[in-house]
């Protein structure tokens, strides 16, 4: 597996903390705001890469269903 980028590492931390605090995954917009990405497209791309690496998964098309693997 390739190493993840710094922004992907920050996204994983954001998701972990958000789920611990709120009990569900954050939206793409919420993730972007937390890690400093202004484009939802860029955030979705980074989440897709993390999903390809097997570090996150989701049960539905919504990112609210995000789970850490």
N, C-alpha and C. Protein backbone atom coordinates (compact mmCIF):
# COMPACT_ATOMS: atom_id res chain seq x y z
N UNK A 1 0.84 -1.18 0.00
CA UNK A 1 0.00 0.00 0.00
C UNK A 1 0.88 1.24 0.00
N UNK A 2 0.51 2.21 -0.79
CA UNK A 2 1.23 3.47 -0.80
C UNK A 2 0.95 4.23 0.49
N UNK A 3 1.90 5.04 0.89
CA UNK A 3 1.67 5.87 2.06
C UNK A 3 0.63 6.93 1.75
N UNK A 4 -0.09 7.33 2.77
CA UNK A 4 -1.09 8.37 2.57
C UNK A 4 -0.43 9.74 2.69
N UNK A 5 -1.09 10.73 2.12
CA UNK A 5 -0.56 12.09 2.15
C UNK A 5 -0.89 12.75 3.50
N UNK A 6 -0.30 13.89 3.74
CA UNK A 6 -0.56 14.64 4.97
C UNK A 6 -2.03 15.05 5.06
N UNK A 7 -2.61 15.49 3.96
CA UNK A 7 -4.02 15.90 3.99
C UNK A 7 -4.92 14.70 4.28
N UNK A 8 -4.57 13.54 3.74
CA UNK A 8 -5.35 12.33 4.02
C UNK A 8 -5.23 11.93 5.49
N UNK A 9 -4.05 12.10 6.05
CA UNK A 9 -3.86 11.81 7.48
C UNK A 9 -4.73 12.75 8.32
N UNK A 10 -4.76 14.03 7.94
CA UNK A 10 -5.58 15.00 8.67
C UNK A 10 -7.06 14.68 8.54
N UNK A 11 -7.47 14.20 7.38
CA UNK A 11 -8.87 13.81 7.18
C UNK A 11 -9.22 12.63 8.08
N UNK A 12 -8.35 11.63 8.17
CA UNK A 12 -8.61 10.49 9.05
C UNK A 12 -8.77 10.93 10.49
N UNK A 13 -7.91 11.83 10.95
CA UNK A 13 -8.01 12.34 12.31
C UNK A 13 -9.33 13.09 12.50
N UNK A 14 -9.69 13.92 11.53
CA UNK A 14 -10.94 14.66 11.58
C UNK A 14 -12.13 13.71 11.70
N UNK A 15 -12.16 12.70 10.85
CA UNK A 15 -13.27 11.74 10.85
C UNK A 15 -13.34 11.01 12.20
N UNK A 16 -12.21 10.56 12.69
CA UNK A 16 -12.17 9.84 13.97
C UNK A 16 -12.72 10.72 15.09
N UNK A 17 -12.26 11.97 15.17
CA UNK A 17 -12.71 12.87 16.23
C UNK A 17 -14.18 13.24 16.07
N UNK A 18 -14.62 13.44 14.82
CA UNK A 18 -16.02 13.81 14.57
C UNK A 18 -16.96 12.68 15.01
N UNK A 19 -16.62 11.46 14.63
CA UNK A 19 -17.46 10.31 15.00
C UNK A 19 -17.50 10.16 16.52
N UNK A 20 -16.37 10.34 17.18
CA UNK A 20 -16.32 10.23 18.65
C UNK A 20 -17.21 11.29 19.30
N UNK A 21 -17.24 12.48 18.73
CA UNK A 21 -18.01 13.58 19.32
C UNK A 21 -19.49 13.56 18.95
N UNK A 22 -19.80 13.21 17.69
CA UNK A 22 -21.16 13.33 17.19
C UNK A 22 -21.88 11.99 16.97
N UNK A 23 -21.15 10.89 16.98
CA UNK A 23 -21.77 9.59 16.80
C UNK A 23 -22.08 9.20 15.37
N UNK A 24 -21.72 10.04 14.42
CA UNK A 24 -21.90 9.74 13.00
C UNK A 24 -20.81 10.47 12.23
N UNK A 25 -20.63 10.08 10.99
CA UNK A 25 -19.59 10.69 10.18
C UNK A 25 -19.92 12.12 9.77
N UNK A 26 -18.91 12.91 9.49
CA UNK A 26 -19.14 14.28 9.01
C UNK A 26 -19.50 14.30 7.53
N UNK A 27 -20.07 15.40 7.09
CA UNK A 27 -20.34 15.58 5.66
C UNK A 27 -19.04 15.98 4.97
N UNK A 28 -19.04 15.95 3.65
CA UNK A 28 -17.87 16.37 2.89
C UNK A 28 -17.54 17.83 3.22
N UNK A 29 -18.54 18.66 3.30
CA UNK A 29 -18.33 20.08 3.59
C UNK A 29 -17.72 20.27 4.98
N UNK A 30 -18.21 19.51 5.96
CA UNK A 30 -17.67 19.60 7.32
C UNK A 30 -16.21 19.14 7.37
N UNK A 31 -15.90 18.08 6.65
CA UNK A 31 -14.52 17.60 6.60
C UNK A 31 -13.62 18.66 5.97
N UNK A 32 -14.05 19.20 4.83
CA UNK A 32 -13.27 20.23 4.15
C UNK A 32 -12.99 21.42 5.04
N UNK A 33 -13.99 21.87 5.77
CA UNK A 33 -13.81 23.01 6.68
C UNK A 33 -12.79 22.69 7.76
N UNK A 34 -12.83 21.48 8.29
CA UNK A 34 -11.93 21.09 9.38
C UNK A 34 -10.48 20.98 8.93
N UNK A 35 -10.25 20.54 7.70
CA UNK A 35 -8.87 20.31 7.24
C UNK A 35 -8.36 21.39 6.29
N UNK A 36 -9.20 22.38 5.98
CA UNK A 36 -8.73 23.49 5.16
C UNK A 36 -8.85 23.30 3.66
N UNK A 37 -9.76 22.44 3.22
CA UNK A 37 -10.02 22.28 1.79
C UNK A 37 -11.30 23.04 1.45
N UNK A 38 -11.22 23.98 0.53
CA UNK A 38 -12.39 24.80 0.20
C UNK A 38 -13.30 24.12 -0.82
N UNK A 39 -12.77 23.18 -1.58
CA UNK A 39 -13.54 22.52 -2.64
C UNK A 39 -14.08 21.18 -2.14
N UNK A 40 -15.40 20.99 -2.27
CA UNK A 40 -15.98 19.70 -1.89
C UNK A 40 -15.49 18.60 -2.83
N UNK A 41 -15.17 18.97 -4.06
CA UNK A 41 -14.64 18.00 -5.02
C UNK A 41 -13.29 17.46 -4.55
N UNK A 42 -12.43 18.34 -4.08
CA UNK A 42 -11.11 17.93 -3.57
C UNK A 42 -11.26 17.04 -2.35
N UNK A 43 -12.19 17.39 -1.48
CA UNK A 43 -12.43 16.59 -0.28
C UNK A 43 -12.94 15.21 -0.67
N UNK A 44 -13.89 15.15 -1.59
CA UNK A 44 -14.44 13.86 -2.04
C UNK A 44 -13.35 13.01 -2.69
N UNK A 45 -12.47 13.64 -3.46
CA UNK A 45 -11.36 12.91 -4.08
C UNK A 45 -10.48 12.27 -3.01
N UNK A 46 -10.11 13.04 -1.99
CA UNK A 46 -9.25 12.52 -0.93
C UNK A 46 -9.94 11.39 -0.16
N UNK A 47 -11.23 11.53 0.08
CA UNK A 47 -11.99 10.46 0.74
C UNK A 47 -12.03 9.21 -0.12
N UNK A 48 -12.18 9.38 -1.42
CA UNK A 48 -12.16 8.25 -2.33
C UNK A 48 -10.83 7.52 -2.31
N UNK A 49 -9.75 8.27 -2.24
CA UNK A 49 -8.41 7.65 -2.16
C UNK A 49 -8.27 6.87 -0.85
N UNK A 50 -8.77 7.42 0.25
CA UNK A 50 -8.70 6.70 1.53
C UNK A 50 -9.55 5.43 1.47
N UNK A 51 -10.67 5.50 0.77
CA UNK A 51 -11.52 4.32 0.61
C UNK A 51 -10.80 3.26 -0.23
N UNK A 52 -10.09 3.68 -1.28
CA UNK A 52 -9.32 2.75 -2.10
C UNK A 52 -8.21 2.09 -1.29
N UNK A 53 -7.62 2.82 -0.36
CA UNK A 53 -6.56 2.27 0.50
C UNK A 53 -7.13 1.34 1.57
N UNK A 54 -8.46 1.30 1.71
CA UNK A 54 -9.08 0.44 2.70
C UNK A 54 -9.05 1.01 4.11
N UNK A 55 -8.86 2.32 4.23
CA UNK A 55 -8.78 2.96 5.54
C UNK A 55 -10.13 3.45 6.04
N UNK A 56 -11.06 3.67 5.11
CA UNK A 56 -12.42 4.05 5.45
C UNK A 56 -13.38 3.27 4.57
N UNK A 57 -14.63 3.23 4.98
CA UNK A 57 -15.68 2.63 4.15
C UNK A 57 -16.97 3.37 4.46
N UNK A 58 -17.95 3.13 3.64
CA UNK A 58 -19.27 3.71 3.90
C UNK A 58 -20.32 2.72 3.46
N UNK A 59 -21.46 2.73 4.16
CA UNK A 59 -22.53 1.78 3.89
C UNK A 59 -23.48 2.26 2.80
N UNK A 60 -23.52 3.54 2.59
CA UNK A 60 -24.43 4.11 1.60
C UNK A 60 -23.67 5.15 0.78
N UNK A 61 -24.37 5.84 -0.08
CA UNK A 61 -23.71 6.86 -0.88
C UNK A 61 -23.38 8.10 -0.06
N UNK A 62 -23.98 8.25 1.09
CA UNK A 62 -23.75 9.41 1.94
C UNK A 62 -22.45 9.26 2.74
N UNK A 63 -21.68 10.34 2.83
CA UNK A 63 -20.47 10.29 3.63
C UNK A 63 -20.79 10.27 5.11
N UNK A 64 -22.01 10.56 5.51
CA UNK A 64 -22.41 10.46 6.93
C UNK A 64 -22.27 9.01 7.42
N UNK A 65 -22.31 8.05 6.49
CA UNK A 65 -22.21 6.64 6.87
C UNK A 65 -20.76 6.17 6.94
N UNK A 66 -19.82 7.09 6.87
CA UNK A 66 -18.39 6.75 6.85
C UNK A 66 -18.00 5.97 8.11
N UNK A 67 -17.15 4.99 7.92
CA UNK A 67 -16.60 4.17 9.02
C UNK A 67 -15.10 4.06 8.84
N UNK A 68 -14.39 4.05 9.93
CA UNK A 68 -12.94 3.79 9.90
C UNK A 68 -12.73 2.30 9.88
N UNK A 69 -11.82 1.83 9.08
CA UNK A 69 -11.55 0.38 8.98
C UNK A 69 -10.41 -0.02 9.89
